[in-house]
């Protein structure tokens, strides 16, 4: 099993703390997929910006359809979430 160093909630500062706080406000927690890039807060922010644009931006697909597609792709990739 691989171990990736991440920054914990109590260590987060500046931009990363803002990101963690926004994640908690939106989802009730900071998901591990977000923590994976915590050593590079600018990369974390860029990744979240893409996610938010894809999942919440203007689209012909409904929010439910986008979530269904995410589930199908995750299943096809063997990802548990």
PDB file of N, CA and C in Angstrom:
ATOM      1  N   UNK A   1       0.836  -1.176   0.000  1.00  0.00           N
ATOM      2  CA  UNK A   1       0.000   0.000   0.000  1.00  0.00           C
ATOM      3  C   UNK A   1       0.886   1.246   0.000  1.00  0.00           C
ATOM      4  N   UNK A   2       0.537   2.196  -0.820  1.00  0.00           N
ATOM      5  CA  UNK A   2       1.298   3.438  -0.909  1.00  0.00           C
ATOM      6  C   UNK A   2       0.817   4.422   0.152  1.00  0.00           C
ATOM      7  N   UNK A   3       1.722   5.189   0.692  1.00  0.00           N
ATOM      8  CA  UNK A   3       1.386   6.229   1.650  1.00  0.00           C
ATOM      9  C   UNK A   3       1.819   7.567   1.067  1.00  0.00           C
ATOM     10  N   UNK A   4       0.907   8.493   1.060  1.00  0.00           N
ATOM     11  CA  UNK A   4       1.172   9.818   0.519  1.00  0.00           C
ATOM     12  C   UNK A   4       1.061  10.818   1.665  1.00  0.00           C
ATOM     13  N   UNK A   5       2.099  11.612   1.843  1.00  0.00           N
ATOM     14  CA  UNK A   5       2.065  12.631   2.895  1.00  0.00           C
ATOM     15  C   UNK A   5       1.003  13.668   2.545  1.00  0.00           C
ATOM     16  N   UNK A   6       0.195  13.982   3.514  1.00  0.00           N
ATOM     17  CA  UNK A   6      -0.829  15.017   3.345  1.00  0.00           C
ATOM     18  C   UNK A   6      -0.769  15.965   4.540  1.00  0.00           C
ATOM     19  N   UNK A   7      -1.420  17.089   4.398  1.00  0.00           N
ATOM     20  CA  UNK A   7      -1.489  18.068   5.472  1.00  0.00           C
ATOM     21  C   UNK A   7      -2.832  17.910   6.170  1.00  0.00           C
ATOM     22  N   UNK A   8      -2.784  17.771   7.481  1.00  0.00           N
ATOM     23  CA  UNK A   8      -3.998  17.600   8.272  1.00  0.00           C
ATOM     24  C   UNK A   8      -4.731  18.905   8.499  1.00  0.00           C
ATOM     25  N   UNK A   9      -5.959  18.787   8.963  1.00  0.00           N
ATOM     26  CA  UNK A   9      -6.783  19.970   9.222  1.00  0.00           C
ATOM     27  C   UNK A   9      -6.103  20.944  10.178  1.00  0.00           C
ATOM     28  N   UNK A  10      -5.468  20.414  11.209  1.00  0.00           N
ATOM     29  CA  UNK A  10      -4.848  21.274  12.218  1.00  0.00           C
ATOM     30  C   UNK A  10      -3.569  21.945  11.725  1.00  0.00           C
ATOM     31  N   UNK A  11      -3.012  21.454  10.624  1.00  0.00           N
ATOM     32  CA  UNK A  11      -1.782  22.034  10.059  1.00  0.00           C
ATOM     33  C   UNK A  11      -2.048  22.984   8.895  1.00  0.00           C
ATOM     34  N   UNK A  12      -3.244  22.929   8.332  1.00  0.00           N
ATOM     35  CA  UNK A  12      -3.567  23.714   7.136  1.00  0.00           C
ATOM     36  C   UNK A  12      -3.520  25.209   7.440  1.00  0.00           C
ATOM     37  N   UNK A  13      -2.911  25.953   6.526  1.00  0.00           N
ATOM     38  CA  UNK A  13      -2.785  27.403   6.673  1.00  0.00           C
ATOM     39  C   UNK A  13      -3.078  28.061   5.336  1.00  0.00           C
ATOM     40  N   UNK A  14      -3.373  29.336   5.371  1.00  0.00           N
ATOM     41  CA  UNK A  14      -3.530  30.127   4.158  1.00  0.00           C
ATOM     42  C   UNK A  14      -4.534  29.547   3.185  1.00  0.00           C
ATOM     43  N   UNK A  15      -4.120  29.439   1.916  1.00  0.00           N
ATOM     44  CA  UNK A  15      -4.991  28.956   0.852  1.00  0.00           C
ATOM     45  C   UNK A  15      -5.534  27.567   1.163  1.00  0.00           C
ATOM     46  N   UNK A  16      -4.698  26.678   1.667  1.00  0.00           N
ATOM     47  CA  UNK A  16      -5.156  25.318   1.956  1.00  0.00           C
ATOM     48  C   UNK A  16      -6.232  25.323   3.043  1.00  0.00           C
ATOM     49  N   UNK A  17      -6.073  26.145   4.059  1.00  0.00           N
ATOM     50  CA  UNK A  17      -7.095  26.237   5.103  1.00  0.00           C
ATOM     51  C   UNK A  17      -8.404  26.742   4.510  1.00  0.00           C
ATOM     52  N   UNK A  18      -8.325  27.725   3.620  1.00  0.00           N
ATOM     53  CA  UNK A  18      -9.527  28.235   2.956  1.00  0.00           C
ATOM     54  C   UNK A  18     -10.218  27.119   2.164  1.00  0.00           C
ATOM     55  N   UNK A  19      -9.421  26.335   1.438  1.00  0.00           N
ATOM     56  CA  UNK A  19      -9.966  25.232   0.643  1.00  0.00           C
ATOM     57  C   UNK A  19     -10.634  24.215   1.558  1.00  0.00           C
ATOM     58  N   UNK A  20      -9.945  23.814   2.611  1.00  0.00           N
ATOM     59  CA  UNK A  20     -10.507  22.845   3.553  1.00  0.00           C
ATOM     60  C   UNK A  20     -11.812  23.374   4.157  1.00  0.00           C
ATOM     61  N   UNK A  21     -11.829  24.643   4.551  1.00  0.00           N
ATOM     62  CA  UNK A  21     -13.032  25.238   5.137  1.00  0.00           C
ATOM     63  C   UNK A  21     -14.187  25.235   4.131  1.00  0.00           C
ATOM     64  N   UNK A  22     -13.896  25.569   2.871  1.00  0.00           N
ATOM     65  CA  UNK A  22     -14.930  25.556   1.835  1.00  0.00           C
ATOM     66  C   UNK A  22     -15.459  24.143   1.608  1.00  0.00           C
ATOM     67  N   UNK A  23     -14.561  23.169   1.618  1.00  0.00           N
ATOM     68  CA  UNK A  23     -14.980  21.776   1.435  1.00  0.00           C
ATOM     69  C   UNK A  23     -15.899  21.340   2.574  1.00  0.00           C
ATOM     70  N   UNK A  24     -15.524  21.676   3.797  1.00  0.00           N
ATOM     71  CA  UNK A  24     -16.354  21.319   4.947  1.00  0.00           C
ATOM     72  C   UNK A  24     -17.719  21.994   4.868  1.00  0.00           C
ATOM     73  N   UNK A  25     -17.749  23.238   4.422  1.00  0.00           N
ATOM     74  CA  UNK A  25     -19.015  23.961   4.298  1.00  0.00           C
ATOM     75  C   UNK A  25     -19.915  23.316   3.242  1.00  0.00           C
ATOM     76  N   UNK A  26     -19.308  22.893   2.143  1.00  0.00           N
ATOM     77  CA  UNK A  26     -20.076  22.336   1.031  1.00  0.00           C
ATOM     78  C   UNK A  26     -20.441  20.874   1.256  1.00  0.00           C
ATOM     79  N   UNK A  27     -19.498  20.065   1.762  1.00  0.00           N
ATOM     80  CA  UNK A  27     -19.709  18.618   1.816  1.00  0.00           C
ATOM     81  C   UNK A  27     -19.730  18.047   3.234  1.00  0.00           C
ATOM     82  N   UNK A  28     -19.479  18.890   4.231  1.00  0.00           N
ATOM     83  CA  UNK A  28     -19.489  18.412   5.599  1.00  0.00           C
ATOM     84  C   UNK A  28     -18.180  17.788   6.053  1.00  0.00           C
ATOM     85  N   UNK A  29     -17.235  17.643   5.134  1.00  0.00           N
ATOM     86  CA  UNK A  29     -15.923  17.079   5.460  1.00  0.00           C
ATOM     87  C   UNK A  29     -14.953  17.382   4.330  1.00  0.00           C
ATOM     88  N   UNK A  30     -13.700  17.079   4.557  1.00  0.00           N
ATOM     89  CA  UNK A  30     -12.681  17.200   3.510  1.00  0.00           C
ATOM     90  C   UNK A  30     -12.402  15.778   3.027  1.00  0.00           C
ATOM     91  N   UNK A  31     -12.789  15.476   1.810  1.00  0.00           N
ATOM     92  CA  UNK A  31     -12.606  14.136   1.253  1.00  0.00           C
ATOM     93  C   UNK A  31     -11.125  13.872   0.998  1.00  0.00           C
ATOM     94  N   UNK A  32     -10.734  12.613   1.099  1.00  0.00           N
ATOM     95  CA  UNK A  32      -9.333  12.227   0.898  1.00  0.00           C
ATOM     96  C   UNK A  32      -8.812  12.608  -0.485  1.00  0.00           C
ATOM     97  N   UNK A  33      -9.670  12.607  -1.485  1.00  0.00           N
ATOM     98  CA  UNK A  33      -9.233  12.990  -2.839  1.00  0.00           C
ATOM     99  C   UNK A  33      -8.710  14.432  -2.836  1.00  0.00           C
ATOM    100  N   UNK A  34      -9.250  15.272  -1.967  1.00  0.00           N
ATOM    101  CA  UNK A  34      -8.777  16.651  -1.835  1.00  0.00           C
ATOM    102  C   UNK A  34      -7.462  16.675  -1.063  1.00  0.00           C
ATOM    103  N   UNK A  35      -7.379  15.866  -0.029  1.00  0.00           N
ATOM    104  CA  UNK A  35      -6.168  15.827   0.799  1.00  0.00           C
ATOM    105  C   UNK A  35      -4.937  15.350   0.021  1.00  0.00           C
ATOM    106  N   UNK A  36      -5.158  14.552  -1.016  1.00  0.00           N
ATOM    107  CA  UNK A  36      -4.023  14.000  -1.770  1.00  0.00           C
ATOM    108  C   UNK A  36      -3.093  15.072  -2.326  1.00  0.00           C
ATOM    109  N   UNK A  37      -3.635  16.199  -2.684  1.00  0.00           N
ATOM    110  CA  UNK A  37      -2.795  17.259  -3.257  1.00  0.00           C
ATOM    111  C   UNK A  37      -2.555  18.388  -2.263  1.00  0.00           C
ATOM    112  N   UNK A  38      -2.758  18.121  -0.986  1.00  0.00           N
ATOM    113  CA  UNK A  38      -2.663  19.187   0.022  1.00  0.00           C
ATOM    114  C   UNK A  38      -1.275  19.808   0.146  1.00  0.00           C
ATOM    115  N   UNK A  39      -0.249  19.108  -0.295  1.00  0.00           N
ATOM    116  CA  UNK A  39       1.095  19.697  -0.273  1.00  0.00           C
ATOM    117  C   UNK A  39       1.250  20.787  -1.327  1.00  0.00           C
ATOM    118  N   UNK A  40       0.334  20.807  -2.283  1.00  0.00           N
ATOM    119  CA  UNK A  40       0.354  21.803  -3.366  1.00  0.00           C
ATOM    120  C   UNK A  40      -1.006  22.494  -3.430  1.00  0.00           C
ATOM    121  N   UNK A  41      -1.264  23.447  -2.530  1.00  0.00           N
ATOM    122  CA  UNK A  41      -2.587  24.087  -2.461  1.00  0.00           C
ATOM    123  C   UNK A  41      -3.059  24.708  -3.780  1.00  0.00           C
ATOM    124  N   UNK A  42      -2.147  25.271  -4.563  1.00  0.00           N
ATOM    125  CA  UNK A  42      -2.571  25.860  -5.840  1.00  0.00           C
ATOM    126  C   UNK A  42      -3.087  24.778  -6.791  1.00  0.00           C
ATOM    127  N   UNK A  43      -2.464  23.609  -6.763  1.00  0.00           N
ATOM    128  CA  UNK A  43      -2.938  22.484  -7.585  1.00  0.00           C
ATOM    129  C   UNK A  43      -4.283  21.987  -7.062  1.00  0.00           C
ATOM    130  N   UNK A  44      -4.435  21.966  -5.748  1.00  0.00           N
ATOM    131  CA  UNK A  44      -5.706  21.564  -5.148  1.00  0.00           C
ATOM    132  C   UNK A  44      -6.809  22.507  -5.597  1.00  0.00           C
ATOM    133  N   UNK A  45      -6.542  23.807  -5.542  1.00  0.00           N
ATOM    134  CA  UNK A  45      -7.532  24.802  -5.961  1.00  0.00           C
ATOM    135  C   UNK A  45      -7.874  24.646  -7.437  1.00  0.00           C
ATOM    136  N   UNK A  46      -6.867  24.451  -8.272  1.00  0.00           N
ATOM    137  CA  UNK A  46      -7.114  24.290  -9.708  1.00  0.00           C
ATOM    138  C   UNK A  46      -7.985  23.056  -9.974  1.00  0.00           C
ATOM    139  N   UNK A  47      -7.688  21.971  -9.282  1.00  0.00           N
ATOM    140  CA  UNK A  47      -8.466  20.752  -9.433  1.00  0.00           C
ATOM    141  C   UNK A  47      -9.915  20.968  -9.002  1.00  0.00           C
ATOM    142  N   UNK A  48     -10.108  21.639  -7.879  1.00  0.00           N
ATOM    143  CA  UNK A  48     -11.461  21.921  -7.418  1.00  0.00           C
ATOM    144  C   UNK A  48     -12.201  22.870  -8.355  1.00  0.00           C
ATOM    145  N   UNK A  49     -11.487  23.830  -8.931  1.00  0.00           N
ATOM    146  CA  UNK A  49     -12.111  24.743  -9.887  1.00  0.00           C
ATOM    147  C   UNK A  49     -12.635  23.983 -11.100  1.00  0.00           C
ATOM    148  N   UNK A  50     -11.863  23.026 -11.591  1.00  0.00           N
ATOM    149  CA  UNK A  50     -12.312  22.202 -12.725  1.00  0.00           C
ATOM    150  C   UNK A  50     -13.534  21.384 -12.316  1.00  0.00           C
ATOM    151  N   UNK A  51     -13.449  20.737 -11.155  1.00  0.00           N
ATOM    152  CA  UNK A  51     -14.578  19.943 -10.662  1.00  0.00           C
ATOM    153  C   UNK A  51     -15.854  20.790 -10.569  1.00  0.00           C
ATOM    154  N   UNK A  52     -15.733  21.968  -9.967  1.00  0.00           N
ATOM    155  CA  UNK A  52     -16.905  22.825  -9.799  1.00  0.00           C
ATOM    156  C   UNK A  52     -17.472  23.265 -11.147  1.00  0.00           C
ATOM    157  N   UNK A  53     -16.611  23.562 -12.099  1.00  0.00           N
ATOM    158  CA  UNK A  53     -17.077  23.961 -13.427  1.00  0.00           C
ATOM    159  C   UNK A  53     -17.804  22.815 -14.118  1.00  0.00           C
ATOM    160  N   UNK A  54     -17.252  21.615 -14.023  1.00  0.00           N
ATOM    161  CA  UNK A  54     -17.862  20.452 -14.674  1.00  0.00           C
ATOM    162  C   UNK A  54     -19.178  20.069 -14.005  1.00  0.00           C
ATOM    163  N   UNK A  55     -19.184  20.047 -12.682  1.00  0.00           N
ATOM    164  CA  UNK A  55     -20.357  19.550 -11.970  1.00  0.00           C
ATOM    165  C   UNK A  55     -21.445  20.601 -11.737  1.00  0.00           C
ATOM    166  N   UNK A  56     -21.068  21.869 -11.682  1.00  0.00           N
ATOM    167  CA  UNK A  56     -22.043  22.905 -11.347  1.00  0.00           C
ATOM    168  C   UNK A  56     -22.177  23.993 -12.410  1.00  0.00           C
ATOM    169  N   UNK A  57     -21.299  23.992 -13.410  1.00  0.00           N
ATOM    170  CA  UNK A  57     -21.339  25.021 -14.442  1.00  0.00           C
ATOM    171  C   UNK A  57     -22.469  24.799 -15.430  1.00  0.00           C
ATOM    172  N   UNK A  58     -22.582  25.720 -16.345  1.00  0.00           N
ATOM    173  CA  UNK A  58     -23.608  25.651 -17.376  1.00  0.00           C
ATOM    174  C   UNK A  58     -23.417  24.382 -18.216  1.00  0.00           C
ATOM    175  N   UNK A  59     -24.511  23.666 -18.448  1.00  0.00           N
ATOM    176  CA  UNK A  59     -24.432  22.408 -19.193  1.00  0.00           C
ATOM    177  C   UNK A  59     -25.815  21.992 -19.665  1.00  0.00           C
ATOM    178  N   UNK A  60     -25.840  21.187 -20.713  1.00  0.00           N
ATOM    179  CA  UNK A  60     -27.097  20.600 -21.170  1.00  0.00           C
ATOM    180  C   UNK A  60     -27.514  19.445 -20.262  1.00  0.00           C
ATOM    181  N   UNK A  61     -26.562  18.937 -19.468  1.00  0.00           N
ATOM    182  CA  UNK A  61     -26.848  17.834 -18.554  1.00  0.00           C
ATOM    183  C   UNK A  61     -27.306  18.378 -17.205  1.00  0.00           C
ATOM    184  N   UNK A  62     -28.257  17.669 -16.602  1.00  0.00           N
ATOM    185  CA  UNK A  62     -28.695  18.058 -15.258  1.00  0.00           C
ATOM    186  C   UNK A  62     -27.618  17.672 -14.250  1.00  0.00           C
ATOM    187  N   UNK A  63     -27.754  18.191 -13.069  1.00  0.00           N
ATOM    188  CA  UNK A  63     -26.817  17.841 -11.997  1.00  0.00           C
ATOM    189  C   UNK A  63     -26.884  16.335 -11.722  1.00  0.00           C
ATOM    190  N   UNK A  64     -28.087  15.784 -11.705  1.00  0.00           N
ATOM    191  CA  UNK A  64     -28.260  14.341 -11.466  1.00  0.00           C
ATOM    192  C   UNK A  64     -27.582  13.523 -12.566  1.00  0.00           C
ATOM    193  N   UNK A  65     -27.710  13.943 -13.812  1.00  0.00           N
ATOM    194  CA  UNK A  65     -27.059  13.225 -14.916  1.00  0.00           C
ATOM    195  C   UNK A  65     -25.541  13.266 -14.780  1.00  0.00           C
ATOM    196  N   UNK A  66     -25.015  14.399 -14.364  1.00  0.00           N
ATOM    197  CA  UNK A  66     -23.563  14.511 -14.178  1.00  0.00           C
ATOM    198  C   UNK A  66     -23.087  13.573 -13.068  1.00  0.00           C
ATOM    199  N   UNK A  67     -23.844  13.511 -11.979  1.00  0.00           N
ATOM    200  CA  UNK A  67     -23.493  12.607 -10.881  1.00  0.00           C
ATOM    201  C   UNK A  67     -23.562  11.147 -11.334  1.00  0.00           C
ATOM    202  N   UNK A  68     -24.583  10.816 -12.126  1.00  0.00           N
ATOM    203  CA  UNK A  68     -24.693   9.443 -12.634  1.00  0.00           C
ATOM    204  C   UNK A  68     -23.496   9.082 -13.505  1.00  0.00           C
ATOM    205  N   UNK A  69     -23.071  10.009 -14.351  1.00  0.00           N
ATOM    206  CA  UNK A  69     -21.895   9.767 -15.181  1.00  0.00           C
ATOM    207  C   UNK A  69     -20.649   9.576 -14.328  1.00  0.00           C
ATOM    208  N   UNK A  70     -20.520  10.367 -13.279  1.00  0.00           N
ATOM    209  CA  UNK A  70     -19.369  10.235 -12.384  1.00  0.00           C
ATOM    210  C   UNK A  70     -19.359   8.858 -11.721  1.00  0.00           C
ATOM    211  N   UNK A  71     -20.523   8.366 -11.331  1.00  0.00           N
ATOM    212  CA  UNK A  71     -20.619   7.045 -10.707  1.00  0.00           C
ATOM    213  C   UNK A  71     -20.225   5.955 -11.697  1.00  0.00           C
ATOM    214  N   UNK A  72     -20.714   6.038 -12.927  1.00  0.00           N
ATOM    215  CA  UNK A  72     -20.398   5.035 -13.952  1.00  0.00           C
ATOM    216  C   UNK A  72     -18.897   5.026 -14.245  1.00  0.00           C
ATOM    217  N   UNK A  73     -18.309   6.191 -14.390  1.00  0.00           N
ATOM    218  CA  UNK A  73     -16.870   6.270 -14.667  1.00  0.00           C
ATOM    219  C   UNK A  73     -16.067   5.735 -13.485  1.00  0.00           C
ATOM    220  N   UNK A  74     -16.464   6.079 -12.267  1.00  0.00           N
ATOM    221  CA  UNK A  74     -15.771   5.570 -11.087  1.00  0.00           C
ATOM    222  C   UNK A  74     -15.850   4.046 -11.023  1.00  0.00           C
ATOM    223  N   UNK A  75     -17.015   3.509 -11.300  1.00  0.00           N
ATOM    224  CA  UNK A  75     -17.189   2.047 -11.302  1.00  0.00           C
ATOM    225  C   UNK A  75     -16.308   1.410 -12.388  1.00  0.00           C
ATOM    226  N   UNK A  76     -16.305   1.980 -13.578  1.00  0.00           N
ATOM    227  CA  UNK A  76     -15.488   1.440 -14.675  1.00  0.00           C
ATOM    228  C   UNK A  76     -14.009   1.488 -14.335  1.00  0.00           C
ATOM    229  N   UNK A  77     -13.607   2.482 -13.549  1.00  0.00           N
ATOM    230  CA  UNK A  77     -12.206   2.630 -13.145  1.00  0.00           C
ATOM    231  C   UNK A  77     -11.871   1.855 -11.869  1.00  0.00           C
ATOM    232  N   UNK A  78     -12.854   1.172 -11.311  1.00  0.00           N
ATOM    233  CA  UNK A  78     -12.605   0.406 -10.083  1.00  0.00           C
ATOM    234  C   UNK A  78     -12.430   1.297  -8.865  1.00  0.00           C
ATOM    235  N   UNK A  79     -12.958   2.510  -8.914  1.00  0.00           N
ATOM    236  CA  UNK A  79     -12.841   3.456  -7.815  1.00  0.00           C
ATOM    237  C   UNK A  79     -14.055   3.307  -6.893  1.00  0.00           C
ATOM    238  N   UNK A  80     -13.830   3.215  -5.582  1.00  0.00           N
ATOM    239  CA  UNK A  80     -14.937   2.987  -4.678  1.00  0.00           C
ATOM    240  C   UNK A  80     -15.802   4.214  -4.408  1.00  0.00           C
ATOM    241  N   UNK A  81     -15.387   5.392  -4.858  1.00  0.00           N
ATOM    242  CA  UNK A  81     -16.237   6.555  -4.672  1.00  0.00           C
ATOM    243  C   UNK A  81     -16.433   7.279  -5.955  1.00  0.00           C
TER     244      UNK A  81
END
